[in-house]
C-alpha atoms as a PDB file:
ATOM      1  CA  UNK A   1     121.436 102.240 127.205  1.00  0.00           C
ATOM      2  CA  UNK A   2     123.351 103.828 124.301  1.00  0.00           C
ATOM      3  CA  UNK A   3     125.036 101.268 122.046  1.00  0.00           C
ATOM      4  CA  UNK A   4     128.568 101.766 120.676  1.00  0.00           C
ATOM      5  CA  UNK A   5     129.789  99.952 117.572  1.00  0.00           C
ATOM      6  CA  UNK A   6     133.467 100.038 116.571  1.00  0.00           C
ATOM      7  CA  UNK A   7     134.952  98.637 113.364  1.00  0.00           C
ATOM      8  CA  UNK A   8     137.319  99.538 110.508  1.00  0.00           C
ATOM      9  CA  UNK A   9     135.853 101.237 107.438  1.00  0.00           C
ATOM     10  CA  UNK A  10     135.457  98.578 104.690  1.00  0.00           C
ATOM     11  CA  UNK A  11     137.281  99.124 101.390  1.00  0.00           C
ATOM     12  CA  UNK A  12     133.943  99.371  99.579  1.00  0.00           C
ATOM     13  CA  UNK A  13     133.017 102.535 101.463  1.00  0.00           C
ATOM     14  CA  UNK A  14     136.258 104.413 100.774  1.00  0.00           C
ATOM     15  CA  UNK A  15     135.519 107.982  99.714  1.00  0.00           C
ATOM     16  CA  UNK A  16     131.783 107.853 100.488  1.00  0.00           C
ATOM     17  CA  UNK A  17     130.027 110.511 102.556  1.00  0.00           C
ATOM     18  CA  UNK A  18     129.676 109.404 106.127  1.00  0.00           C
ATOM     19  CA  UNK A  19     125.867 109.565 106.192  1.00  0.00           C
ATOM     20  CA  UNK A  20     125.533 107.491 103.011  1.00  0.00           C
ATOM     21  CA  UNK A  21     128.200 104.972 103.984  1.00  0.00           C
ATOM     22  CA  UNK A  22     126.986 104.382 107.517  1.00  0.00           C
ATOM     23  CA  UNK A  23     123.435 104.065 106.268  1.00  0.00           C
ATOM     24  CA  UNK A  24     124.527 101.081 104.166  1.00  0.00           C
ATOM     25  CA  UNK A  25     126.886  99.687 106.779  1.00  0.00           C
ATOM     26  CA  UNK A  26     124.547  99.834 109.772  1.00  0.00           C
ATOM     27  CA  UNK A  27     121.172  99.517 108.057  1.00  0.00           C
ATOM     28  CA  UNK A  28     119.982 102.911 109.313  1.00  0.00           C
ATOM     29  CA  UNK A  29     118.353 105.755 107.398  1.00  0.00           C
ATOM     30  CA  UNK A  30     120.609 108.602 106.296  1.00  0.00           C
ATOM     31  CA  UNK A  31     118.578 111.025 108.389  1.00  0.00           C
ATOM     32  CA  UNK A  32     119.112 108.836 111.480  1.00  0.00           C
ATOM     33  CA  UNK A  33     122.879 108.695 110.816  1.00  0.00           C
ATOM     34  CA  UNK A  34     122.930 112.484 110.330  1.00  0.00           C
ATOM     35  CA  UNK A  35     121.221 112.967 113.702  1.00  0.00           C
ATOM     36  CA  UNK A  36     123.790 110.743 115.422  1.00  0.00           C
ATOM     37  CA  UNK A  37     126.687 112.557 113.730  1.00  0.00           C
ATOM     38  CA  UNK A  38     125.312 116.000 114.575  1.00  0.00           C
ATOM     39  CA  UNK A  39     125.096 114.892 118.199  1.00  0.00           C
ATOM     40  CA  UNK A  40     128.795 114.011 118.228  1.00  0.00           C
ATOM     41  CA  UNK A  41     128.189 110.276 118.135  1.00  0.00           C
ATOM     42  CA  UNK A  42     130.551 109.374 115.270  1.00  0.00           C
ATOM     43  CA  UNK A  43     134.352 109.244 115.487  1.00  0.00           C
ATOM     44  CA  UNK A  44     136.853 108.453 112.753  1.00  0.00           C
ATOM     45  CA  UNK A  45     140.319 107.533 114.056  1.00  0.00           C
ATOM     46  CA  UNK A  46     139.370 109.135 117.361  1.00  0.00           C
ATOM     47  CA  UNK A  47     138.156 112.461 115.946  1.00  0.00           C
ATOM     48  CA  UNK A  48     134.491 113.483 116.045  1.00  0.00           C
ATOM     49  CA  UNK A  49     133.228 113.927 112.465  1.00  0.00           C
ATOM     50  CA  UNK A  50     130.097 115.304 110.786  1.00  0.00           C
ATOM     51  CA  UNK A  51     127.688 113.731 108.334  1.00  0.00           C
ATOM     52  CA  UNK A  52     129.499 115.060 105.237  1.00  0.00           C
ATOM     53  CA  UNK A  53     132.942 113.707 106.223  1.00  0.00           C
ATOM     54  CA  UNK A  54     134.453 111.335 103.650  1.00  0.00           C
ATOM     55  CA  UNK A  55     135.159 107.811 104.879  1.00  0.00           C
ATOM     56  CA  UNK A  56     138.671 106.378 104.526  1.00  0.00           C
ATOM     57  CA  UNK A  57     139.184 102.647 104.031  1.00  0.00           C
ATOM     58  CA  UNK A  58     140.813 101.096 107.115  1.00  0.00           C
ATOM     59  CA  UNK A  59     140.159 104.096 109.362  1.00  0.00           C
ATOM     60  CA  UNK A  60     138.765 103.100 112.775  1.00  0.00           C
ATOM     61  CA  UNK A  61     135.109 103.979 113.051  1.00  0.00           C
ATOM     62  CA  UNK A  62     133.241 104.331 116.333  1.00  0.00           C
ATOM     63  CA  UNK A  63     129.506 105.014 116.385  1.00  0.00           C
ATOM     64  CA  UNK A  64     127.503 105.603 119.564  1.00  0.00           C
ATOM     65  CA  UNK A  65     123.791 105.129 118.975  1.00  0.00           C
ATOM     66  CA  UNK A  66     121.503 106.750 121.556  1.00  0.00           C
ATOM     67  CA  UNK A  67     118.362 104.978 122.659  1.00  0.00           C
ATOM     68  CA  UNK A  68     115.720 105.278 119.932  1.00  0.00           C
ATOM     69  CA  UNK A  69     112.873 107.661 120.723  1.00  0.00           C
ATOM     70  CA  UNK A  70     109.697 106.142 122.078  1.00  0.00           C
ATOM     71  CA  UNK A  71     107.164 105.206 119.414  1.00  0.00           C
ATOM     72  CA  UNK A  72     104.517 107.890 118.981  1.00  0.00           C
ATOM     73  CA  UNK A  73     101.160 107.021 120.536  1.00  0.00           C
ATOM     74  CA  UNK A  74      98.009 106.523 118.510  1.00  0.00           C
ATOM     75  CA  UNK A  75      95.484 109.170 119.526  1.00  0.00           C
ATOM     76  CA  UNK A  76      91.839 108.345 118.793  1.00  0.00           C
ATOM     77  CA  UNK A  77      90.699 111.587 117.216  1.00  0.00           C
ATOM     78  CA  UNK A  78      87.957 112.205 114.624  1.00  0.00           C
ATOM     79  CA  UNK A  79      89.291 113.250 111.215  1.00  0.00           C
ATOM     80  CA  UNK A  80      87.227 115.647 109.124  1.00  0.00           C
ATOM     81  CA  UNK A  81      86.698 114.377 105.602  1.00  0.00           C
ATOM     82  CA  UNK A  82      87.959 110.831 106.220  1.00  0.00           C
ATOM     83  CA  UNK A  83      85.444 108.684 104.336  1.00  0.00           C
ATOM     84  CA  UNK A  84      85.064 104.897 104.530  1.00  0.00           C
ATOM     85  CA  UNK A  85      84.407 103.444 101.055  1.00  0.00           C
ATOM     86  CA  UNK A  86      84.588  99.744 101.963  1.00  0.00           C
ATOM     87  CA  UNK A  87      84.323  97.883 105.249  1.00  0.00           C
ATOM     88  CA  UNK A  88      84.157  94.187 106.144  1.00  0.00           C
ATOM     89  CA  UNK A  89      85.504  91.821 108.802  1.00  0.00           C
ATOM     90  CA  UNK A  90      89.009  91.806 107.314  1.00  0.00           C
ATOM     91  CA  UNK A  91      89.745  95.287 106.051  1.00  0.00           C
ATOM     92  CA  UNK A  92      88.603  98.862 105.689  1.00  0.00           C
ATOM     93  CA  UNK A  93      89.349 101.138 102.731  1.00  0.00           C
ATOM     94  CA  UNK A  94      89.272 104.878 103.330  1.00  0.00           C
ATOM     95  CA  UNK A  95      89.320 107.917 101.081  1.00  0.00           C
ATOM     96  CA  UNK A  96      92.017 109.968 102.810  1.00  0.00           C
ATOM     97  CA  UNK A  97      91.784 113.759 102.660  1.00  0.00           C
ATOM     98  CA  UNK A  98      94.835 115.979 102.239  1.00  0.00           C
ATOM     99  CA  UNK A  99      96.613 116.979 105.454  1.00  0.00           C
ATOM    100  CA  UNK A 100      96.191 113.585 107.121  1.00  0.00           C
ATOM    101  CA  UNK A 101      99.083 111.178 107.787  1.00  0.00           C
ATOM    102  CA  UNK A 102      98.683 107.410 107.498  1.00  0.00           C
ATOM    103  CA  UNK A 103      99.855 106.839 111.077  1.00  0.00           C
ATOM    104  CA  UNK A 104     101.644 108.669 113.917  1.00  0.00           C
ATOM    105  CA  UNK A 105     105.345 109.426 113.420  1.00  0.00           C
ATOM    106  CA  UNK A 106     107.985 111.480 115.247  1.00  0.00           C
ATOM    107  CA  UNK A 107     107.385 115.190 114.754  1.00  0.00           C
ATOM    108  CA  UNK A 108     103.867 114.814 113.324  1.00  0.00           C
ATOM    109  CA  UNK A 109     101.134 116.263 115.544  1.00  0.00           C
ATOM    110  CA  UNK A 110      98.314 116.379 112.998  1.00  0.00           C
ATOM    111  CA  UNK A 111      95.474 113.932 112.289  1.00  0.00           C
ATOM    112  CA  UNK A 112      96.094 110.340 111.185  1.00  0.00           C
ATOM    113  CA  UNK A 113      94.090 107.644 109.419  1.00  0.00           C
ATOM    114  CA  UNK A 114      94.714 105.213 112.289  1.00  0.00           C
ATOM    115  CA  UNK A 115      93.581 107.768 114.869  1.00  0.00           C
ATOM    116  CA  UNK A 116      90.500 108.612 112.829  1.00  0.00           C
ATOM    117  CA  UNK A 117      89.504 104.961 112.486  1.00  0.00           C
ATOM    118  CA  UNK A 118      90.051 104.376 116.207  1.00  0.00           C
ATOM    119  CA  UNK A 119      87.832 107.358 117.030  1.00  0.00           C
ATOM    120  CA  UNK A 120      85.136 105.950 114.765  1.00  0.00           C
ATOM    121  CA  UNK A 121      85.205 102.631 116.624  1.00  0.00           C
ATOM    122  CA  UNK A 122      87.043 100.515 114.061  1.00  0.00           C
ATOM    123  CA  UNK A 123      89.093  97.582 115.322  1.00  0.00           C
ATOM    124  CA  UNK A 124      92.267  97.161 113.307  1.00  0.00           C
ATOM    125  CA  UNK A 125      94.981  94.512 113.168  1.00  0.00           C
ATOM    126  CA  UNK A 126      97.542  94.527 115.978  1.00  0.00           C
ATOM    127  CA  UNK A 127     100.266  93.423 113.566  1.00  0.00           C
ATOM    128  CA  UNK A 128     103.072  95.825 112.710  1.00  0.00           C
ATOM    129  CA  UNK A 129     104.688  98.509 114.853  1.00  0.00           C
ATOM    130  CA  UNK A 130     102.462  99.858 117.623  1.00  0.00           C
ATOM    131  CA  UNK A 131     101.972 103.242 115.973  1.00  0.00           C
ATOM    132  CA  UNK A 132     100.997 101.853 112.562  1.00  0.00           C
ATOM    133  CA  UNK A 133      99.017  98.728 113.317  1.00  0.00           C
ATOM    134  CA  UNK A 134      97.111  97.465 110.309  1.00  0.00           C
ATOM    135  CA  UNK A 135      98.812  99.822 107.837  1.00  0.00           C
ATOM    136  CA  UNK A 136      99.994  97.883 104.784  1.00  0.00           C
ATOM    137  CA  UNK A 137     100.794 100.917 102.585  1.00  0.00           C
ATOM    138  CA  UNK A 138     100.894 104.675 103.001  1.00  0.00           C
ATOM    139  CA  UNK A 139     100.012 107.918 101.274  1.00  0.00           C
ATOM    140  CA  UNK A 140     101.897 111.176 101.807  1.00  0.00           C
ATOM    141  CA  UNK A 141     100.239 113.760 104.038  1.00  0.00           C
ATOM    142  CA  UNK A 142      99.844 115.977 100.945  1.00  0.00           C
ATOM    143  CA  UNK A 143      98.355 113.218  98.762  1.00  0.00           C
ATOM    144  CA  UNK A 144      94.652 112.347  98.874  1.00  0.00           C
ATOM    145  CA  UNK A 145      92.841 109.174  97.881  1.00  0.00           C
ATOM    146  CA  UNK A 146      92.377 105.492  98.627  1.00  0.00           C
ATOM    147  CA  UNK A 147      94.179 103.590 101.365  1.00  0.00           C
ATOM    148  CA  UNK A 148      93.485 100.105 102.735  1.00  0.00           C
ATOM    149  CA  UNK A 149      93.952  99.144 106.398  1.00  0.00           C
ATOM    150  CA  UNK A 150      93.865  95.561 107.681  1.00  0.00           C
ATOM    151  CA  UNK A 151      91.440  94.672 110.460  1.00  0.00           C
ATOM    152  CA  UNK A 152      92.395  91.002 110.900  1.00  0.00           C
ATOM    153  CA  UNK A 153      95.824  89.446 111.381  1.00  0.00           C
ATOM    154  CA  UNK A 154      95.269  87.237 108.330  1.00  0.00           C
ATOM    155  CA  UNK A 155      94.374  90.219 106.158  1.00  0.00           C
ATOM    156  CA  UNK A 156      97.470  92.092 107.338  1.00  0.00           C
ATOM    157  CA  UNK A 157      99.763  89.231 106.365  1.00  0.00           C
ATOM    158  CA  UNK A 158      98.110  88.600 102.972  1.00  0.00           C
ATOM    159  CA  UNK A 159      97.921  92.280 102.018  1.00  0.00           C
ATOM    160  CA  UNK A 160     101.533  92.953 103.046  1.00  0.00           C
ATOM    161  CA  UNK A 161     102.597  90.092 100.776  1.00  0.00           C
ATOM    162  CA  UNK A 162     100.383  91.378  97.962  1.00  0.00           C
ATOM    163  CA  UNK A 163     101.951  94.845  98.084  1.00  0.00           C
ATOM    164  CA  UNK A 164     105.431  93.333  98.311  1.00  0.00           C
ATOM    165  CA  UNK A 165     104.770  91.052  95.331  1.00  0.00           C
ATOM    166  CA  UNK A 166     103.157  93.947  93.399  1.00  0.00           C
ATOM    167  CA  UNK A 167      99.860  92.192  92.751  1.00  0.00           C
ATOM    168  CA  UNK A 168      97.897  95.208  94.030  1.00  0.00           C
ATOM    169  CA  UNK A 169      96.855  97.662  91.319  1.00  0.00           C
ATOM    170  CA  UNK A 170      97.375 101.257  92.438  1.00  0.00           C
ATOM    171  CA  UNK A 171      96.134 103.937  90.051  1.00  0.00           C
ATOM    172  CA  UNK A 172      97.112 107.563  90.572  1.00  0.00           C
ATOM    173  CA  UNK A 173      96.107 110.680  88.691  1.00  0.00           C
ATOM    174  CA  UNK A 174      98.655 113.484  88.557  1.00  0.00           C
ATOM    175  CA  UNK A 175      98.435 116.926  87.018  1.00  0.00           C
ATOM    176  CA  UNK A 176     101.916 117.854  85.842  1.00  0.00           C
ATOM    177  CA  UNK A 177     103.328 121.032  84.400  1.00  0.00           C
ATOM    178  CA  UNK A 178     103.802 121.231  80.648  1.00  0.00           C
ATOM    179  CA  UNK A 179     103.424 118.341  78.223  1.00  0.00           C
ATOM    180  CA  UNK A 180     105.505 115.169  78.681  1.00  0.00           C
ATOM    181  CA  UNK A 181     107.109 113.871  75.483  1.00  0.00           C
ATOM    182  CA  UNK A 182     106.371 111.079  74.778  1.00  0.00           C
ATOM    183  CA  UNK A 183     102.775 111.415  75.918  1.00  0.00           C
ATOM    184  CA  UNK A 184     102.951 107.929  77.452  1.00  0.00           C
ATOM    185  CA  UNK A 185     106.012 106.217  78.788  1.00  0.00           C
ATOM    186  CA  UNK A 186     107.970 104.632  81.606  1.00  0.00           C
ATOM    187  CA  UNK A 187     110.431 106.183  84.024  1.00  0.00           C
ATOM    188  CA  UNK A 188     112.975 103.620  85.243  1.00  0.00           C
ATOM    189  CA  UNK A 189     115.319 105.507  87.554  1.00  0.00           C
ATOM    190  CA  UNK A 190     116.583 104.649  91.072  1.00  0.00           C
ATOM    191  CA  UNK A 191     115.405 106.809  93.960  1.00  0.00           C
ATOM    192  CA  UNK A 192     117.344 107.572  97.139  1.00  0.00           C
ATOM    193  CA  UNK A 193     117.849 110.314  99.670  1.00  0.00           C
ATOM    194  CA  UNK A 194     118.575 113.716  98.173  1.00  0.00           C
ATOM    195  CA  UNK A 195     122.354 114.322  98.381  1.00  0.00           C
ATOM    196  CA  UNK A 196     122.005 117.696 100.099  1.00  0.00           C
ATOM    197  CA  UNK A 197     118.464 117.776 101.547  1.00  0.00           C
ATOM    198  CA  UNK A 198     117.687 114.844 103.848  1.00  0.00           C
ATOM    199  CA  UNK A 199     113.970 115.670 103.871  1.00  0.00           C
ATOM    200  CA  UNK A 200     113.708 115.155 100.099  1.00  0.00           C
ATOM    201  CA  UNK A 201     114.276 112.281  97.696  1.00  0.00           C
ATOM    202  CA  UNK A 202     115.947 112.260  94.304  1.00  0.00           C
ATOM    203  CA  UNK A 203     117.023 110.125  91.366  1.00  0.00           C
ATOM    204  CA  UNK A 204     120.458 108.901  92.438  1.00  0.00           C
ATOM    205  CA  UNK A 205     122.815 106.203  91.218  1.00  0.00           C
ATOM    206  CA  UNK A 206     122.855 104.664  94.710  1.00  0.00           C
ATOM    207  CA  UNK A 207     119.055 104.661  95.058  1.00  0.00           C
ATOM    208  CA  UNK A 208     116.636 101.740  95.035  1.00  0.00           C
ATOM    209  CA  UNK A 209     115.151 100.542  91.716  1.00  0.00           C
ATOM    210  CA  UNK A 210     112.001 102.555  90.934  1.00  0.00           C
ATOM    211  CA  UNK A 211     109.661 102.182  87.953  1.00  0.00           C
ATOM    212  CA  UNK A 212     106.747 104.488  87.071  1.00  0.00           C
ATOM    213  CA  UNK A 213     104.400 104.127  84.071  1.00  0.00           C
ATOM    214  CA  UNK A 214     102.347 107.085  82.873  1.00  0.00           C
ATOM    215  CA  UNK A 215      99.889 107.922  80.105  1.00  0.00           C
ATOM    216  CA  UNK A 216      98.193 111.160  79.132  1.00  0.00           C
ATOM    217  CA  UNK A 217      94.498 111.501  79.933  1.00  0.00           C
ATOM    218  CA  UNK A 218      94.034 115.153  78.935  1.00  0.00           C
ATOM    219  CA  UNK A 219      96.350 117.940  77.808  1.00  0.00           C
ATOM    220  CA  UNK A 220      95.646 121.537  78.782  1.00  0.00           C
ATOM    221  CA  UNK A 221      97.477 124.675  77.698  1.00  0.00           C
ATOM    222  CA  UNK A 222      99.829 124.757  80.698  1.00  0.00           C
ATOM    223  CA  UNK A 223      99.578 121.262  82.164  1.00  0.00           C
ATOM    224  CA  UNK A 224      98.754 117.621  81.488  1.00  0.00           C
ATOM    225  CA  UNK A 225      96.572 115.200  83.439  1.00  0.00           C
ATOM    226  CA  UNK A 226      98.273 111.802  83.674  1.00  0.00           C
ATOM    227  CA  UNK A 227      97.245 108.343  84.817  1.00  0.00           C
ATOM    228  CA  UNK A 228     100.121 106.750  86.681  1.00  0.00           C
ATOM    229  CA  UNK A 229     100.815 103.150  87.654  1.00  0.00           C
ATOM    230  CA  UNK A 230     103.655 102.097  89.931  1.00  0.00           C
ATOM    231  CA  UNK A 231     105.743  98.940  89.774  1.00  0.00           C
ATOM    232  CA  UNK A 232     107.541  99.964  92.951  1.00  0.00           C
ATOM    233  CA  UNK A 233     106.447 101.991  95.953  1.00  0.00           C
ATOM    234  CA  UNK A 234     109.260 104.345  96.908  1.00  0.00           C
ATOM    235  CA  UNK A 235     108.659 107.401  99.058  1.00  0.00           C
ATOM    236  CA  UNK A 236     107.588 110.362  96.858  1.00  0.00           C
ATOM    237  CA  UNK A 237     108.121 108.165  93.770  1.00  0.00           C
ATOM    238  CA  UNK A 238     105.683 109.897  91.412  1.00  0.00           C
ATOM    239  CA  UNK A 239     106.725 113.360  92.570  1.00  0.00           C
ATOM    240  CA  UNK A 240     110.440 112.594  92.150  1.00  0.00           C
ATOM    241  CA  UNK A 241     110.082 110.906  88.754  1.00  0.00           C
ATOM    242  CA  UNK A 242     107.871 113.640  87.319  1.00  0.00           C
ATOM    243  CA  UNK A 243     110.310 116.264  88.585  1.00  0.00           C
ATOM    244  CA  UNK A 244     113.184 114.337  86.976  1.00  0.00           C
ATOM    245  CA  UNK A 245     111.301 114.560  83.655  1.00  0.00           C
ATOM    246  CA  UNK A 246     111.082 118.348  84.218  1.00  0.00           C
ATOM    247  CA  UNK A 247     107.312 118.036  84.543  1.00  0.00           C
ATOM    248  CA  UNK A 248     106.726 118.287  88.307  1.00  0.00           C
ATOM    249  CA  UNK A 249     103.262 117.841  89.757  1.00  0.00           C
ATOM    250  CA  UNK A 250     101.433 121.172  89.747  1.00  0.00           C
ATOM    251  CA  UNK A 251     101.614 122.759  93.176  1.00  0.00           C
ATOM    252  CA  UNK A 252     104.564 120.613  94.266  1.00  0.00           C
ATOM    253  CA  UNK A 253     106.939 123.405  95.281  1.00  0.00           C
ATOM    254  CA  UNK A 254     109.217 120.940  97.070  1.00  0.00           C
ATOM    255  CA  UNK A 255     110.101 119.331  93.746  1.00  0.00           C
ATOM    256  CA  UNK A 256     110.334 122.367  91.509  1.00  0.00           C
ATOM    257  CA  UNK A 257     106.765 123.341  90.585  1.00  0.00           C
ATOM    258  CA  UNK A 258     106.080 126.907  89.450  1.00  0.00           C
ATOM    259  CA  UNK A 259     104.586 128.845  92.399  1.00  0.00           C
ATOM    260  CA  UNK A 260     102.847 131.286  90.039  1.00  0.00           C
ATOM    261  CA  UNK A 261     100.965 128.455  88.313  1.00  0.00           C
ATOM    262  CA  UNK A 262     100.132 126.887  91.676  1.00  0.00           C
ATOM    263  CA  UNK A 263      98.644 130.187  92.821  1.00  0.00           C
ATOM    264  CA  UNK A 264      96.611 130.558  89.627  1.00  0.00           C
ATOM    265  CA  UNK A 265      95.203 127.058  90.102  1.00  0.00           C
ATOM    266  CA  UNK A 266      94.511 127.625  93.804  1.00  0.00           C
ATOM    267  CA  UNK A 267      96.804 124.769  94.847  1.00  0.00           C
ATOM    268  CA  UNK A 268      98.489 124.604  98.249  1.00  0.00           C
ATOM    269  CA  UNK A 269      99.790 121.061  97.724  1.00  0.00           C
ATOM    270  CA  UNK A 270     100.822 118.730  94.918  1.00  0.00           C
ATOM    271  CA  UNK A 271      98.094 117.733  92.457  1.00  0.00           C
ATOM    272  CA  UNK A 272      98.297 113.996  93.107  1.00  0.00           C
ATOM    273  CA  UNK A 273      95.424 111.655  93.925  1.00  0.00           C
ATOM    274  CA  UNK A 274      95.236 107.918  94.619  1.00  0.00           C
ATOM    275  CA  UNK A 275      92.331 107.372  92.255  1.00  0.00           C
ATOM    276  CA  UNK A 276      91.983 103.590  92.177  1.00  0.00           C
ATOM    277  CA  UNK A 277      92.870 100.565  94.280  1.00  0.00           C
ATOM    278  CA  UNK A 278      92.291  96.926  93.292  1.00  0.00           C
ATOM    279  CA  UNK A 279      93.388  93.674  94.960  1.00  0.00           C
ATOM    280  CA  UNK A 280      92.399  90.090  95.646  1.00  0.00           C
ATOM    281  CA  UNK A 281      90.400  90.089  98.868  1.00  0.00           C
ATOM    282  CA  UNK A 282      92.524  88.357 101.543  1.00  0.00           C
ATOM    283  CA  UNK A 283      89.622  86.230 102.791  1.00  0.00           C
ATOM    284  CA  UNK A 284      87.639  85.378  99.652  1.00  0.00           C
ATOM    285  CA  UNK A 285      90.173  85.859  96.869  1.00  0.00           C
ATOM    286  CA  UNK A 286      87.577  87.947  95.032  1.00  0.00           C
ATOM    287  CA  UNK A 287      88.962  90.795  92.926  1.00  0.00           C
ATOM    288  CA  UNK A 288      88.015  93.996  94.733  1.00  0.00           C
ATOM    289  CA  UNK A 289      88.241  97.284  92.829  1.00  0.00           C
ATOM    290  CA  UNK A 290      87.477 100.719  94.302  1.00  0.00           C
ATOM    291  CA  UNK A 291      87.732 104.273  93.023  1.00  0.00           C
ATOM    292  CA  UNK A 292      87.727 107.796  94.416  1.00  0.00           C
ATOM    293  CA  UNK A 293      86.492 111.117  93.068  1.00  0.00           C
ATOM    294  CA  UNK A 294      88.755 114.159  92.973  1.00  0.00           C
ATOM    295  CA  UNK A 295      88.534 116.344  96.085  1.00  0.00           C
ATOM    296  CA  UNK A 296      87.367 119.923  95.670  1.00  0.00           C
ATOM    297  CA  UNK A 297      90.807 121.580  95.461  1.00  0.00           C
ATOM    298  CA  UNK A 298      92.032 119.279  92.699  1.00  0.00           C
ATOM    299  CA  UNK A 299      88.791 119.573  90.733  1.00  0.00           C
ATOM    300  CA  UNK A 300      88.981 123.358  91.021  1.00  0.00           C
ATOM    301  CA  UNK A 301      92.444 123.352  89.441  1.00  0.00           C
ATOM    302  CA  UNK A 302      91.144 121.306  86.495  1.00  0.00           C
ATOM    303  CA  UNK A 303      88.199 123.672  86.086  1.00  0.00           C
ATOM    304  CA  UNK A 304      90.567 126.655  85.924  1.00  0.00           C
ATOM    305  CA  UNK A 305      92.667 124.967  83.239  1.00  0.00           C
ATOM    306  CA  UNK A 306      89.615 123.967  81.225  1.00  0.00           C
ATOM    307  CA  UNK A 307      88.340 127.555  81.254  1.00  0.00           C
ATOM    308  CA  UNK A 308      91.455 129.763  81.204  1.00  0.00           C
ATOM    309  CA  UNK A 309      89.396 132.896  80.601  1.00  0.00           C
END
């Protein structure tokens, strides 16, 4: 049954966009609020309003939330290029190829890590939402590299805590346009929903704290290979922070990369790879460190830069 919530707009939300304000007030994502508003589910003093309407303190707000969509089903389907690099009774670590999602989600019909593991006969933890059982962290569809999935309930709990407490070491390599100055540094800038494009993220004053450390590994004529370490794990964090520095990841057209350079390098996605993953094993406490080689498309781009002729 649809749920209707009615209340006055708090003083603290006066003047805010409806999608941003309701997101804070109701604990929903901005994209979810936008969907409700576009469906006519939000009224302000009795008038139906859109997602960009400005809230007025004291105005009577009525929000009708439709039933949430059913959780997408995990489909056991082999995934080309999905490679297991570590496997034991508690967890499995995979080297995820580009074009594969971590788990099923609304609107995604492509391959998933969870579906690939199920097809290969792996038993994973039943903790977490039904569509992402065992998943303790995620990689973007367009990002390749290492990802750990819990197989036991104990491992799920311990690894979730480890990621939350930032005791897991995640090492990324990113090829960015130009030459960052300084060559090594830290980006400390909050990340939230893009103010005009709900499918993107951006550095915004209202965003969540986000910290990215980077250092130069190799400088080429048109780009720089960076090693990146994250203190936080926001969606698209590296891509957003590098774009904010005006050095977007090569091939990342969503966040401002040069399409001509992407074409020259043969890139059809962002040059971003989860190179290393290290953590205390949830069962033994032993420090477990794993690494991944660059996939062919990313290595090809480096080869082109190293031999511009």
